[in-house]
Structure formats: C-alpha cells, structure tokens
C-alpha cells in the first residue's frame, strides 16, 4: 500500500511526505524485533518521526481536500 500511495502522490500536489512513511515503518519494525546490533531510538530520531507523522496527517488532509480521491479510491 505504501508503494502505491508513494507512486501516485509522492511527486504530485506537494505530498512528498508519503515517500518517508516506509522509512518510519522499517525503523519501527527494527525496534520491535531488534537484533543484538540494533541501535536504540534516539531523541532526535523520535522528534523527526513525530514531524513526519504530523506531515503525513497534514498531507492526507490536503489530498482529501483536492477531491482527487473518491470514498474508495
């Protein structure tokens, strides 16, 4: 699903944040299922993740407001 959203909307309508979501998902997976060498999450990394999450919410709202999506697009 992430690939589909990124392919459709990453470079259109100013919504590049959708390209960053997969990175967050991979990092979350690393921390939930760590290997012995997986580094812990830093404060800076957490702050950046929160910023991406806020941008993703704002981007989704902007995308909905464009009318380019139907209820089941």
N, C-alpha and C. Protein backbone atom coordinates (compact mmCIF):
# COMPACT_ATOMS: atom_id res chain seq x y z
N UNK A 1 0.82 -1.19 0.00
CA UNK A 1 0.00 0.00 0.00
C UNK A 1 0.87 1.26 0.00
N UNK A 2 1.93 1.23 0.77
CA UNK A 2 2.80 2.40 0.83
C UNK A 2 3.38 2.70 -0.55
N UNK A 3 3.79 1.65 -1.26
CA UNK A 3 4.35 1.85 -2.60
C UNK A 3 3.32 2.47 -3.54
N UNK A 4 2.07 2.04 -3.44
CA UNK A 4 1.02 2.59 -4.31
C UNK A 4 0.78 4.06 -4.01
N UNK A 5 0.71 4.42 -2.75
CA UNK A 5 0.50 5.83 -2.38
C UNK A 5 1.68 6.67 -2.83
N UNK A 6 2.88 6.17 -2.59
CA UNK A 6 4.07 6.92 -2.98
C UNK A 6 4.12 7.09 -4.50
N UNK A 7 3.81 6.05 -5.24
CA UNK A 7 3.84 6.12 -6.70
C UNK A 7 2.81 7.10 -7.24
N UNK A 8 1.65 7.16 -6.63
CA UNK A 8 0.58 8.01 -7.13
C UNK A 8 0.70 9.46 -6.68
N UNK A 9 1.18 9.68 -5.46
CA UNK A 9 1.07 11.03 -4.89
C UNK A 9 2.38 11.63 -4.40
N UNK A 10 3.48 10.92 -4.46
CA UNK A 10 4.74 11.42 -3.92
C UNK A 10 5.17 12.73 -4.57
N UNK A 11 5.11 12.81 -5.88
CA UNK A 11 5.61 14.00 -6.58
C UNK A 11 4.49 14.92 -7.07
N UNK A 12 3.27 14.61 -6.73
CA UNK A 12 2.15 15.44 -7.20
C UNK A 12 1.49 16.13 -6.02
N UNK A 13 1.14 17.34 -6.22
CA UNK A 13 0.39 18.05 -5.19
C UNK A 13 1.16 18.37 -3.93
N UNK A 14 2.48 18.35 -3.99
CA UNK A 14 3.27 18.71 -2.82
C UNK A 14 3.15 17.75 -1.67
N UNK A 15 3.09 16.44 -1.96
CA UNK A 15 2.91 15.47 -0.89
C UNK A 15 4.10 14.49 -0.80
N UNK A 16 5.33 15.00 -0.76
CA UNK A 16 6.49 14.11 -0.71
C UNK A 16 6.59 13.33 0.60
N UNK A 17 5.83 13.72 1.61
CA UNK A 17 5.91 13.04 2.90
C UNK A 17 5.53 11.57 2.78
N UNK A 18 4.70 11.23 1.80
CA UNK A 18 4.30 9.84 1.67
C UNK A 18 5.49 8.95 1.31
N UNK A 19 6.52 9.53 0.75
CA UNK A 19 7.73 8.76 0.47
C UNK A 19 8.54 8.46 1.73
N UNK A 20 8.28 9.15 2.82
CA UNK A 20 9.04 8.96 4.06
C UNK A 20 8.40 7.95 5.01
N UNK A 21 7.16 7.59 4.76
CA UNK A 21 6.44 6.71 5.69
C UNK A 21 7.05 5.32 5.74
N UNK A 22 7.50 4.80 4.61
CA UNK A 22 8.07 3.47 4.61
C UNK A 22 9.33 3.40 5.47
N UNK A 23 10.12 4.46 5.46
CA UNK A 23 11.31 4.50 6.32
C UNK A 23 10.92 4.40 7.79
N UNK A 24 9.85 5.09 8.18
CA UNK A 24 9.39 5.00 9.56
C UNK A 24 8.91 3.59 9.89
N UNK A 25 8.20 2.97 8.96
CA UNK A 25 7.70 1.63 9.17
C UNK A 25 8.85 0.63 9.36
N UNK A 26 9.89 0.74 8.52
CA UNK A 26 11.04 -0.15 8.64
C UNK A 26 11.76 0.04 9.97
N UNK A 27 11.93 1.29 10.37
CA UNK A 27 12.64 1.57 11.64
C UNK A 27 11.83 1.06 12.82
N UNK A 28 10.51 1.24 12.78
CA UNK A 28 9.67 0.72 13.85
C UNK A 28 9.81 -0.79 13.94
N UNK A 29 9.82 -1.46 12.79
CA UNK A 29 9.98 -2.91 12.77
C UNK A 29 11.32 -3.32 13.38
N UNK A 30 12.38 -2.59 13.07
CA UNK A 30 13.70 -2.88 13.64
C UNK A 30 13.69 -2.79 15.16
N UNK A 31 12.98 -1.80 15.69
CA UNK A 31 12.99 -1.62 17.15
C UNK A 31 12.05 -2.61 17.85
N UNK A 32 11.01 -3.07 17.17
CA UNK A 32 10.12 -4.05 17.78
C UNK A 32 10.69 -5.45 17.74
N UNK A 33 11.51 -5.72 16.74
CA UNK A 33 12.15 -7.04 16.57
C UNK A 33 13.65 -6.83 16.41
N UNK A 34 14.31 -6.36 17.45
CA UNK A 34 15.72 -5.99 17.33
C UNK A 34 16.66 -7.18 17.23
N UNK A 35 17.76 -6.93 16.56
CA UNK A 35 18.88 -7.88 16.61
C UNK A 35 19.82 -7.37 17.69
N UNK A 36 20.81 -8.15 18.06
CA UNK A 36 21.74 -7.67 19.10
C UNK A 36 22.48 -6.38 18.72
N UNK A 37 22.54 -6.08 17.43
CA UNK A 37 23.27 -4.89 17.00
C UNK A 37 22.35 -3.71 16.64
N UNK A 38 21.04 -3.88 16.83
CA UNK A 38 20.11 -2.79 16.51
C UNK A 38 20.30 -1.65 17.51
N UNK A 39 20.58 -0.45 16.99
CA UNK A 39 20.73 0.68 17.92
C UNK A 39 19.37 1.12 18.48
N UNK A 40 19.40 1.68 19.66
CA UNK A 40 18.18 2.20 20.25
C UNK A 40 17.73 3.46 19.53
N UNK A 41 16.51 3.84 19.77
CA UNK A 41 15.96 5.05 19.17
C UNK A 41 16.47 6.26 19.94
N UNK A 42 16.98 7.23 19.21
CA UNK A 42 17.48 8.45 19.84
C UNK A 42 16.34 9.47 19.98
N UNK A 43 16.55 10.44 20.82
CA UNK A 43 15.58 11.51 20.98
C UNK A 43 15.38 12.24 19.65
N UNK A 44 16.48 12.51 18.96
CA UNK A 44 16.40 13.21 17.67
C UNK A 44 15.59 12.40 16.65
N UNK A 45 15.81 11.09 16.63
CA UNK A 45 15.07 10.22 15.71
C UNK A 45 13.57 10.24 16.03
N UNK A 46 13.23 10.23 17.30
CA UNK A 46 11.83 10.28 17.72
C UNK A 46 11.19 11.61 17.32
N UNK A 47 11.92 12.69 17.50
CA UNK A 47 11.41 14.02 17.12
C UNK A 47 11.17 14.08 15.61
N UNK A 48 12.11 13.54 14.83
CA UNK A 48 11.95 13.51 13.37
C UNK A 48 10.75 12.65 12.97
N UNK A 49 10.55 11.51 13.64
CA UNK A 49 9.43 10.63 13.33
C UNK A 49 8.10 11.33 13.62
N UNK A 50 8.05 12.07 14.71
CA UNK A 50 6.82 12.83 15.02
C UNK A 50 6.54 13.89 13.97
N UNK A 51 7.58 14.53 13.48
CA UNK A 51 7.40 15.54 12.44
C UNK A 51 6.88 14.90 11.15
N UNK A 52 7.42 13.74 10.79
CA UNK A 52 6.96 13.04 9.59
C UNK A 52 5.49 12.62 9.77
N UNK A 53 5.15 12.13 10.96
CA UNK A 53 3.76 11.73 11.22
C UNK A 53 2.81 12.92 11.09
N UNK A 54 3.20 14.06 11.65
CA UNK A 54 2.36 15.26 11.52
C UNK A 54 2.22 15.67 10.06
N UNK A 55 3.34 15.63 9.33
CA UNK A 55 3.30 15.99 7.91
C UNK A 55 2.44 15.02 7.11
N UNK A 56 2.48 13.73 7.48
CA UNK A 56 1.66 12.73 6.78
C UNK A 56 0.17 13.00 7.01
N UNK A 57 -0.18 13.34 8.22
CA UNK A 57 -1.58 13.67 8.52
C UNK A 57 -2.01 14.91 7.74
N UNK A 58 -1.17 15.94 7.76
CA UNK A 58 -1.48 17.16 7.00
C UNK A 58 -1.57 16.86 5.50
N UNK A 59 -0.65 16.03 4.99
CA UNK A 59 -0.66 15.67 3.58
C UNK A 59 -1.91 14.90 3.21
N UNK A 60 -2.33 13.98 4.06
CA UNK A 60 -3.56 13.22 3.80
C UNK A 60 -4.77 14.14 3.78
N UNK A 61 -4.81 15.09 4.69
CA UNK A 61 -5.92 16.06 4.70
C UNK A 61 -5.93 16.89 3.42
N UNK A 62 -4.73 17.33 2.98
CA UNK A 62 -4.66 18.11 1.74
C UNK A 62 -5.08 17.28 0.54
N UNK A 63 -4.67 16.02 0.54
CA UNK A 63 -5.05 15.13 -0.55
C UNK A 63 -6.56 14.94 -0.61
N UNK A 64 -7.18 14.74 0.54
CA UNK A 64 -8.64 14.60 0.59
C UNK A 64 -9.31 15.87 0.09
N UNK A 65 -8.77 17.01 0.50
CA UNK A 65 -9.35 18.30 0.10
C UNK A 65 -9.25 18.58 -1.39
N UNK A 66 -8.33 17.90 -2.10
CA UNK A 66 -8.20 18.13 -3.54
C UNK A 66 -9.36 17.54 -4.32
N UNK A 67 -10.07 16.60 -3.72
CA UNK A 67 -11.17 15.94 -4.43
C UNK A 67 -10.69 14.88 -5.40
N UNK A 68 -9.39 14.56 -5.40
CA UNK A 68 -8.85 13.57 -6.33
C UNK A 68 -9.16 12.14 -5.90
N UNK A 69 -9.64 11.97 -4.69
CA UNK A 69 -9.96 10.65 -4.19
C UNK A 69 -11.46 10.52 -3.95
N UNK A 70 -12.01 9.42 -4.38
CA UNK A 70 -13.39 9.10 -4.03
C UNK A 70 -13.38 8.37 -2.69
N UNK A 71 -14.54 7.99 -2.19
CA UNK A 71 -14.57 7.34 -0.89
C UNK A 71 -13.82 6.01 -0.85
N UNK A 72 -13.67 5.33 -2.00
CA UNK A 72 -12.97 4.05 -2.03
C UNK A 72 -11.89 4.05 -3.08
N UNK A 73 -11.15 5.16 -3.20
CA UNK A 73 -10.14 5.30 -4.25
C UNK A 73 -8.99 4.37 -4.07
